[in-house]
């Protein structure tokens, strides 16, 4: 069983922590780098774009990572 990795961010002026599996953090870090963003900026963007504010941030980040993982993989295969 994999342990969750917790990271802390300041979002909308408040500190918050998010715990995700390491594999999700790898994808999110790659997405941030691909777009020239810090991980914190990517997380803030996902937070601001949540269509349902009650959706947990961790869930929104997992969905975001999954939605973009294929594109990242295709990009690395094309290189």
PDB file of N, CA and C in Angstrom:
ATOM      1  N   UNK A   1       0.839  -1.181   0.000  1.00  0.00           N
ATOM      2  CA  UNK A   1       0.000   0.000   0.000  1.00  0.00           C
ATOM      3  C   UNK A   1       0.886   1.248   0.000  1.00  0.00           C
ATOM      4  N   UNK A   2       0.559   2.185  -0.857  1.00  0.00           N
ATOM      5  CA  UNK A   2       1.320   3.431  -0.945  1.00  0.00           C
ATOM      6  C   UNK A   2       0.801   4.424   0.081  1.00  0.00           C
ATOM      7  N   UNK A   3       1.719   5.153   0.645  1.00  0.00           N
ATOM      8  CA  UNK A   3       1.334   6.195   1.587  1.00  0.00           C
ATOM      9  C   UNK A   3       1.082   7.489   0.842  1.00  0.00           C
ATOM     10  N   UNK A   4       0.152   8.253   1.339  1.00  0.00           N
ATOM     11  CA  UNK A   4      -0.123   9.559   0.758  1.00  0.00           C
ATOM     12  C   UNK A   4       1.004  10.516   1.106  1.00  0.00           C
ATOM     13  N   UNK A   5       1.275  11.419   0.195  1.00  0.00           N
ATOM     14  CA  UNK A   5       2.268  12.466   0.432  1.00  0.00           C
ATOM     15  C   UNK A   5       1.525  13.780   0.582  1.00  0.00           C
ATOM     16  N   UNK A   6       1.759  14.449   1.687  1.00  0.00           N
ATOM     17  CA  UNK A   6       1.045  15.689   1.979  1.00  0.00           C
ATOM     18  C   UNK A   6       1.902  16.884   1.581  1.00  0.00           C
ATOM     19  N   UNK A   7       1.255  17.862   0.947  1.00  0.00           N
ATOM     20  CA  UNK A   7       1.903  19.124   0.597  1.00  0.00           C
ATOM     21  C   UNK A   7       1.018  20.262   1.073  1.00  0.00           C
ATOM     22  N   UNK A   8       1.643  21.357   1.438  1.00  0.00           N
ATOM     23  CA  UNK A   8       0.904  22.526   1.917  1.00  0.00           C
ATOM     24  C   UNK A   8       1.021  23.663   0.914  1.00  0.00           C
ATOM     25  N   UNK A   9      -0.068  24.396   0.753  1.00  0.00           N
ATOM     26  CA  UNK A   9      -0.143  25.515  -0.185  1.00  0.00           C
ATOM     27  C   UNK A   9      -0.904  26.661   0.451  1.00  0.00           C
ATOM     28  N   UNK A  10      -0.694  27.842  -0.098  1.00  0.00           N
ATOM     29  CA  UNK A  10      -1.485  29.007   0.289  1.00  0.00           C
ATOM     30  C   UNK A  10      -2.420  29.277  -0.884  1.00  0.00           C
ATOM     31  N   UNK A  11      -3.708  29.111  -0.653  1.00  0.00           N
ATOM     32  CA  UNK A  11      -4.720  29.307  -1.688  1.00  0.00           C
ATOM     33  C   UNK A  11      -5.702  30.368  -1.224  1.00  0.00           C
ATOM     34  N   UNK A  12      -5.872  31.387  -2.031  1.00  0.00           N
ATOM     35  CA  UNK A  12      -6.796  32.476  -1.710  1.00  0.00           C
ATOM     36  C   UNK A  12      -6.519  33.033  -0.315  1.00  0.00           C
ATOM     37  N   UNK A  13      -5.243  33.130   0.031  1.00  0.00           N
ATOM     38  CA  UNK A  13      -4.865  33.714   1.311  1.00  0.00           C
ATOM     39  C   UNK A  13      -4.931  32.783   2.505  1.00  0.00           C
ATOM     40  N   UNK A  14      -5.266  31.519   2.285  1.00  0.00           N
ATOM     41  CA  UNK A  14      -5.373  30.563   3.385  1.00  0.00           C
ATOM     42  C   UNK A  14      -4.445  29.384   3.130  1.00  0.00           C
ATOM     43  N   UNK A  15      -3.833  28.882   4.204  1.00  0.00           N
ATOM     44  CA  UNK A  15      -2.999  27.688   4.065  1.00  0.00           C
ATOM     45  C   UNK A  15      -3.888  26.460   4.061  1.00  0.00           C
ATOM     46  N   UNK A  16      -3.538  25.534   3.191  1.00  0.00           N
ATOM     47  CA  UNK A  16      -4.263  24.275   3.132  1.00  0.00           C
ATOM     48  C   UNK A  16      -3.279  23.176   2.809  1.00  0.00           C
ATOM     49  N   UNK A  17      -3.591  21.983   3.220  1.00  0.00           N
ATOM     50  CA  UNK A  17      -2.761  20.817   2.928  1.00  0.00           C
ATOM     51  C   UNK A  17      -3.558  19.848   2.071  1.00  0.00           C
ATOM     52  N   UNK A  18      -2.848  19.203   1.171  1.00  0.00           N
ATOM     53  CA  UNK A  18      -3.465  18.215   0.288  1.00  0.00           C
ATOM     54  C   UNK A  18      -2.616  16.954   0.350  1.00  0.00           C
ATOM     55  N   UNK A  19      -3.265  15.819   0.540  1.00  0.00           N
ATOM     56  CA  UNK A  19      -2.568  14.536   0.567  1.00  0.00           C
ATOM     57  C   UNK A  19      -2.984  13.735  -0.669  1.00  0.00           C
ATOM     58  N   UNK A  20      -1.981  13.365  -1.466  1.00  0.00           N
ATOM     59  CA  UNK A  20      -2.204  12.560  -2.664  1.00  0.00           C
ATOM     60  C   UNK A  20      -1.160  11.455  -2.735  1.00  0.00           C
ATOM     61  N   UNK A  21      -1.443  10.455  -3.532  1.00  0.00           N
ATOM     62  CA  UNK A  21      -0.476   9.413  -3.801  1.00  0.00           C
ATOM     63  C   UNK A  21       0.696  10.026  -4.575  1.00  0.00           C
ATOM     64  N   UNK A  22       1.908   9.527  -4.352  1.00  0.00           N
ATOM     65  CA  UNK A  22       3.083  10.099  -5.023  1.00  0.00           C
ATOM     66  C   UNK A  22       2.947  10.145  -6.552  1.00  0.00           C
ATOM     67  N   UNK A  23       2.283   9.162  -7.124  1.00  0.00           N
ATOM     68  CA  UNK A  23       2.130   9.129  -8.584  1.00  0.00           C
ATOM     69  C   UNK A  23       1.343  10.333  -9.105  1.00  0.00           C
ATOM     70  N   UNK A  24       0.364  10.796  -8.350  1.00  0.00           N
ATOM     71  CA  UNK A  24      -0.392  11.977  -8.758  1.00  0.00           C
ATOM     72  C   UNK A  24       0.486  13.224  -8.675  1.00  0.00           C
ATOM     73  N   UNK A  25       1.316  13.319  -7.627  1.00  0.00           N
ATOM     74  CA  UNK A  25       2.206  14.475  -7.519  1.00  0.00           C
ATOM     75  C   UNK A  25       3.184  14.515  -8.694  1.00  0.00           C
ATOM     76  N   UNK A  26       3.656  13.358  -9.139  1.00  0.00           N
ATOM     77  CA  UNK A  26       4.579  13.313 -10.285  1.00  0.00           C
ATOM     78  C   UNK A  26       3.913  13.896 -11.525  1.00  0.00           C
ATOM     79  N   UNK A  27       2.679  13.499 -11.787  1.00  0.00           N
ATOM     80  CA  UNK A  27       1.959  14.013 -12.952  1.00  0.00           C
ATOM     81  C   UNK A  27       1.700  15.506 -12.808  1.00  0.00           C
ATOM     82  N   UNK A  28       1.275  15.942 -11.650  1.00  0.00           N
ATOM     83  CA  UNK A  28       0.992  17.366 -11.441  1.00  0.00           C
ATOM     84  C   UNK A  28       2.261  18.210 -11.569  1.00  0.00           C
ATOM     85  N   UNK A  29       3.374  17.710 -11.053  1.00  0.00           N
ATOM     86  CA  UNK A  29       4.638  18.436 -11.198  1.00  0.00           C
ATOM     87  C   UNK A  29       5.046  18.540 -12.665  1.00  0.00           C
ATOM     88  N   UNK A  30       4.857  17.464 -13.422  1.00  0.00           N
ATOM     89  CA  UNK A  30       5.186  17.474 -14.848  1.00  0.00           C
ATOM     90  C   UNK A  30       4.285  18.451 -15.604  1.00  0.00           C
ATOM     91  N   UNK A  31       3.012  18.476 -15.248  1.00  0.00           N
ATOM     92  CA  UNK A  31       2.082  19.430 -15.879  1.00  0.00           C
ATOM     93  C   UNK A  31       2.494  20.864 -15.585  1.00  0.00           C
ATOM     94  N   UNK A  32       2.841  21.125 -14.354  1.00  0.00           N
ATOM     95  CA  UNK A  32       3.263  22.479 -13.976  1.00  0.00           C
ATOM     96  C   UNK A  32       4.502  22.880 -14.780  1.00  0.00           C
ATOM     97  N   UNK A  33       5.476  21.990 -14.844  1.00  0.00           N
ATOM     98  CA  UNK A  33       6.709  22.286 -15.589  1.00  0.00           C
ATOM     99  C   UNK A  33       6.416  22.506 -17.064  1.00  0.00           C
ATOM    100  N   UNK A  34       5.552  21.680 -17.620  1.00  0.00           N
ATOM    101  CA  UNK A  34       5.205  21.790 -19.046  1.00  0.00           C
ATOM    102  C   UNK A  34       4.586  23.150 -19.356  1.00  0.00           C
ATOM    103  N   UNK A  35       3.855  23.714 -18.417  1.00  0.00           N
ATOM    104  CA  UNK A  35       3.178  24.997 -18.620  1.00  0.00           C
ATOM    105  C   UNK A  35       3.942  26.176 -18.013  1.00  0.00           C
ATOM    106  N   UNK A  36       5.151  25.916 -17.521  1.00  0.00           N
ATOM    107  CA  UNK A  36       5.968  26.982 -16.954  1.00  0.00           C
ATOM    108  C   UNK A  36       5.413  27.553 -15.666  1.00  0.00           C
ATOM    109  N   UNK A  37       4.747  26.707 -14.893  1.00  0.00           N
ATOM    110  CA  UNK A  37       4.140  27.128 -13.627  1.00  0.00           C
ATOM    111  C   UNK A  37       4.825  26.451 -12.458  1.00  0.00           C
ATOM    112  N   UNK A  38       4.723  27.062 -11.315  1.00  0.00           N
ATOM    113  CA  UNK A  38       5.116  26.360 -10.096  1.00  0.00           C
ATOM    114  C   UNK A  38       3.990  25.377  -9.760  1.00  0.00           C
ATOM    115  N   UNK A  39       4.314  24.393  -8.943  1.00  0.00           N
ATOM    116  CA  UNK A  39       3.278  23.455  -8.508  1.00  0.00           C
ATOM    117  C   UNK A  39       2.175  24.210  -7.768  1.00  0.00           C
ATOM    118  N   UNK A  40       2.558  25.181  -6.956  1.00  0.00           N
ATOM    119  CA  UNK A  40       1.570  25.969  -6.204  1.00  0.00           C
ATOM    120  C   UNK A  40       0.628  26.711  -7.145  1.00  0.00           C
ATOM    121  N   UNK A  41       1.158  27.260  -8.240  1.00  0.00           N
ATOM    122  CA  UNK A  41       0.316  27.973  -9.204  1.00  0.00           C
ATOM    123  C   UNK A  41      -0.640  27.013  -9.904  1.00  0.00           C
ATOM    124  N   UNK A  42      -0.168  25.825 -10.242  1.00  0.00           N
ATOM    125  CA  UNK A  42      -1.045  24.832 -10.871  1.00  0.00           C
ATOM    126  C   UNK A  42      -2.172  24.444  -9.918  1.00  0.00           C
ATOM    127  N   UNK A  43      -1.820  24.187  -8.665  1.00  0.00           N
ATOM    128  CA  UNK A  43      -2.830  23.807  -7.656  1.00  0.00           C
ATOM    129  C   UNK A  43      -3.835  24.942  -7.469  1.00  0.00           C
ATOM    130  N   UNK A  44      -3.356  26.171  -7.435  1.00  0.00           N
ATOM    131  CA  UNK A  44      -4.267  27.319  -7.291  1.00  0.00           C
ATOM    132  C   UNK A  44      -5.209  27.410  -8.490  1.00  0.00           C
ATOM    133  N   UNK A  45      -4.710  27.132  -9.676  1.00  0.00           N
ATOM    134  CA  UNK A  45      -5.556  27.157 -10.868  1.00  0.00           C
ATOM    135  C   UNK A  45      -6.634  26.085 -10.831  1.00  0.00           C
ATOM    136  N   UNK A  46      -6.252  24.890 -10.421  1.00  0.00           N
ATOM    137  CA  UNK A  46      -7.237  23.798 -10.296  1.00  0.00           C
ATOM    138  C   UNK A  46      -8.259  24.161  -9.222  1.00  0.00           C
ATOM    139  N   UNK A  47      -7.793  24.729  -8.130  1.00  0.00           N
ATOM    140  CA  UNK A  47      -8.692  25.130  -7.047  1.00  0.00           C
ATOM    141  C   UNK A  47      -9.706  26.159  -7.550  1.00  0.00           C
ATOM    142  N   UNK A  48      -9.234  27.154  -8.266  1.00  0.00           N
ATOM    143  CA  UNK A  48     -10.118  28.223  -8.751  1.00  0.00           C
ATOM    144  C   UNK A  48     -11.099  27.734  -9.812  1.00  0.00           C
ATOM    145  N   UNK A  49     -10.712  26.692 -10.545  1.00  0.00           N
ATOM    146  CA  UNK A  49     -11.548  26.209 -11.653  1.00  0.00           C
ATOM    147  C   UNK A  49     -12.512  25.094 -11.254  1.00  0.00           C
ATOM    148  N   UNK A  50     -12.530  24.723  -9.977  1.00  0.00           N
ATOM    149  CA  UNK A  50     -13.433  23.632  -9.570  1.00  0.00           C
ATOM    150  C   UNK A  50     -14.865  23.998  -9.893  1.00  0.00           C
ATOM    151  N   UNK A  51     -15.537  23.188 -10.716  1.00  0.00           N
ATOM    152  CA  UNK A  51     -16.924  23.503 -11.066  1.00  0.00           C
ATOM    153  C   UNK A  51     -17.876  23.350  -9.884  1.00  0.00           C
ATOM    154  N   UNK A  52     -17.511  22.488  -8.967  1.00  0.00           N
ATOM    155  CA  UNK A  52     -18.325  22.267  -7.767  1.00  0.00           C
ATOM    156  C   UNK A  52     -17.444  22.614  -6.570  1.00  0.00           C
ATOM    157  N   UNK A  53     -17.681  23.777  -5.950  1.00  0.00           N
ATOM    158  CA  UNK A  53     -16.809  24.200  -4.847  1.00  0.00           C
ATOM    159  C   UNK A  53     -16.719  23.200  -3.699  1.00  0.00           C
ATOM    160  N   UNK A  54     -17.739  22.361  -3.528  1.00  0.00           N
ATOM    161  CA  UNK A  54     -17.719  21.375  -2.446  1.00  0.00           C
ATOM    162  C   UNK A  54     -16.854  20.164  -2.766  1.00  0.00           C
ATOM    163  N   UNK A  55     -16.448  20.017  -4.039  1.00  0.00           N
ATOM    164  CA  UNK A  55     -15.581  18.912  -4.425  1.00  0.00           C
ATOM    165  C   UNK A  55     -14.246  19.079  -3.705  1.00  0.00           C
ATOM    166  N   UNK A  56     -13.794  18.062  -2.988  1.00  0.00           N
ATOM    167  CA  UNK A  56     -12.514  18.195  -2.285  1.00  0.00           C
ATOM    168  C   UNK A  56     -11.376  18.521  -3.259  1.00  0.00           C
ATOM    169  N   UNK A  57     -10.463  19.363  -2.826  1.00  0.00           N
ATOM    170  CA  UNK A  57      -9.346  19.749  -3.668  1.00  0.00           C
ATOM    171  C   UNK A  57      -8.538  18.527  -4.088  1.00  0.00           C
ATOM    172  N   UNK A  58      -8.335  17.582  -3.183  1.00  0.00           N
ATOM    173  CA  UNK A  58      -7.583  16.368  -3.532  1.00  0.00           C
ATOM    174  C   UNK A  58      -8.257  15.635  -4.686  1.00  0.00           C
ATOM    175  N   UNK A  59      -9.572  15.550  -4.668  1.00  0.00           N
ATOM    176  CA  UNK A  59     -10.299  14.887  -5.760  1.00  0.00           C
ATOM    177  C   UNK A  59     -10.144  15.670  -7.058  1.00  0.00           C
ATOM    178  N   UNK A  60     -10.256  16.982  -6.981  1.00  0.00           N
ATOM    179  CA  UNK A  60     -10.104  17.813  -8.177  1.00  0.00           C
ATOM    180  C   UNK A  60      -8.710  17.657  -8.771  1.00  0.00           C
ATOM    181  N   UNK A  61      -7.692  17.572  -7.920  1.00  0.00           N
ATOM    182  CA  UNK A  61      -6.325  17.393  -8.406  1.00  0.00           C
ATOM    183  C   UNK A  61      -6.125  16.024  -9.041  1.00  0.00           C
ATOM    184  N   UNK A  62      -6.725  14.992  -8.457  1.00  0.00           N
ATOM    185  CA  UNK A  62      -6.620  13.653  -9.052  1.00  0.00           C
ATOM    186  C   UNK A  62      -7.278  13.624 -10.426  1.00  0.00           C
ATOM    187  N   UNK A  63      -8.458  14.204 -10.534  1.00  0.00           N
ATOM    188  CA  UNK A  63      -9.169  14.233 -11.822  1.00  0.00           C
ATOM    189  C   UNK A  63      -8.360  15.029 -12.846  1.00  0.00           C
ATOM    190  N   UNK A  64      -7.812  16.155 -12.428  1.00  0.00           N
ATOM    191  CA  UNK A  64      -6.994  16.982 -13.322  1.00  0.00           C
ATOM    192  C   UNK A  64      -5.774  16.195 -13.806  1.00  0.00           C
ATOM    193  N   UNK A  65      -5.107  15.512 -12.900  1.00  0.00           N
ATOM    194  CA  UNK A  65      -3.934  14.717 -13.270  1.00  0.00           C
ATOM    195  C   UNK A  65      -4.310  13.603 -14.235  1.00  0.00           C
ATOM    196  N   UNK A  66      -5.395  12.913 -13.958  1.00  0.00           N
ATOM    197  CA  UNK A  66      -5.826  11.834 -14.851  1.00  0.00           C
ATOM    198  C   UNK A  66      -6.213  12.363 -16.223  1.00  0.00           C
ATOM    199  N   UNK A  67      -6.866  13.509 -16.261  1.00  0.00           N
ATOM    200  CA  UNK A  67      -7.303  14.079 -17.535  1.00  0.00           C
ATOM    201  C   UNK A  67      -6.115  14.448 -18.410  1.00  0.00           C
ATOM    202  N   UNK A  68      -4.978  14.757 -17.794  1.00  0.00           N
ATOM    203  CA  UNK A  68      -3.827  15.207 -18.560  1.00  0.00           C
ATOM    204  C   UNK A  68      -2.692  14.187 -18.645  1.00  0.00           C
ATOM    205  N   UNK A  69      -2.787  13.097 -17.920  1.00  0.00           N
ATOM    206  CA  UNK A  69      -1.702  12.104 -17.893  1.00  0.00           C
ATOM    207  C   UNK A  69      -1.455  11.524 -19.280  1.00  0.00           C
ATOM    208  N   UNK A  70      -2.514  11.266 -20.019  1.00  0.00           N
ATOM    209  CA  UNK A  70      -2.351  10.702 -21.368  1.00  0.00           C
ATOM    210  C   UNK A  70      -1.583  11.640 -22.282  1.00  0.00           C
ATOM    211  N   UNK A  71      -1.875  12.942 -22.192  1.00  0.00           N
ATOM    212  CA  UNK A  71      -1.171  13.905 -23.028  1.00  0.00           C
ATOM    213  C   UNK A  71       0.303  13.969 -22.651  1.00  0.00           C
ATOM    214  N   UNK A  72       0.593  13.890 -21.370  1.00  0.00           N
ATOM    215  CA  UNK A  72       1.990  13.889 -20.938  1.00  0.00           C
ATOM    216  C   UNK A  72       2.710  12.655 -21.454  1.00  0.00           C
ATOM    217  N   UNK A  73       2.057  11.508 -21.367  1.00  0.00           N
ATOM    218  CA  UNK A  73       2.664  10.271 -21.825  1.00  0.00           C
ATOM    219  C   UNK A  73       2.890  10.320 -23.334  1.00  0.00           C
ATOM    220  N   UNK A  74       1.924  10.808 -24.074  1.00  0.00           N
ATOM    221  CA  UNK A  74       2.074  10.915 -25.529  1.00  0.00           C
ATOM    222  C   UNK A  74       3.228  11.839 -25.882  1.00  0.00           C
ATOM    223  N   UNK A  75       3.368  12.930 -25.131  1.00  0.00           N
ATOM    224  CA  UNK A  75       4.468  13.856 -25.376  1.00  0.00           C
ATOM    225  C   UNK A  75       5.821  13.224 -25.114  1.00  0.00           C
ATOM    226  N   UNK A  76       5.902  12.402 -24.079  1.00  0.00           N
ATOM    227  CA  UNK A  76       7.187  11.776 -23.778  1.00  0.00           C
ATOM    228  C   UNK A  76       7.497  10.654 -24.763  1.00  0.00           C
ATOM    229  N   UNK A  77       6.464  10.028 -25.311  1.00  0.00           N
ATOM    230  CA  UNK A  77       6.684   8.992 -26.315  1.00  0.00           C
ATOM    231  C   UNK A  77       7.103   9.594 -27.649  1.00  0.00           C
ATOM    232  N   UNK A  78       6.639  10.799 -27.912  1.00  0.00           N
ATOM    233  CA  UNK A  78       6.958  11.449 -29.184  1.00  0.00           C
ATOM    234  C   UNK A  78       8.372  12.021 -29.175  1.00  0.00           C
ATOM    235  N   UNK A  79       8.933  12.228 -27.984  1.00  0.00           N
ATOM    236  CA  UNK A  79      10.272  12.835 -27.882  1.00  0.00           C
ATOM    237  C   UNK A  79      11.350  11.867 -28.263  1.00  0.00           C
TER     238      UNK A  79
END
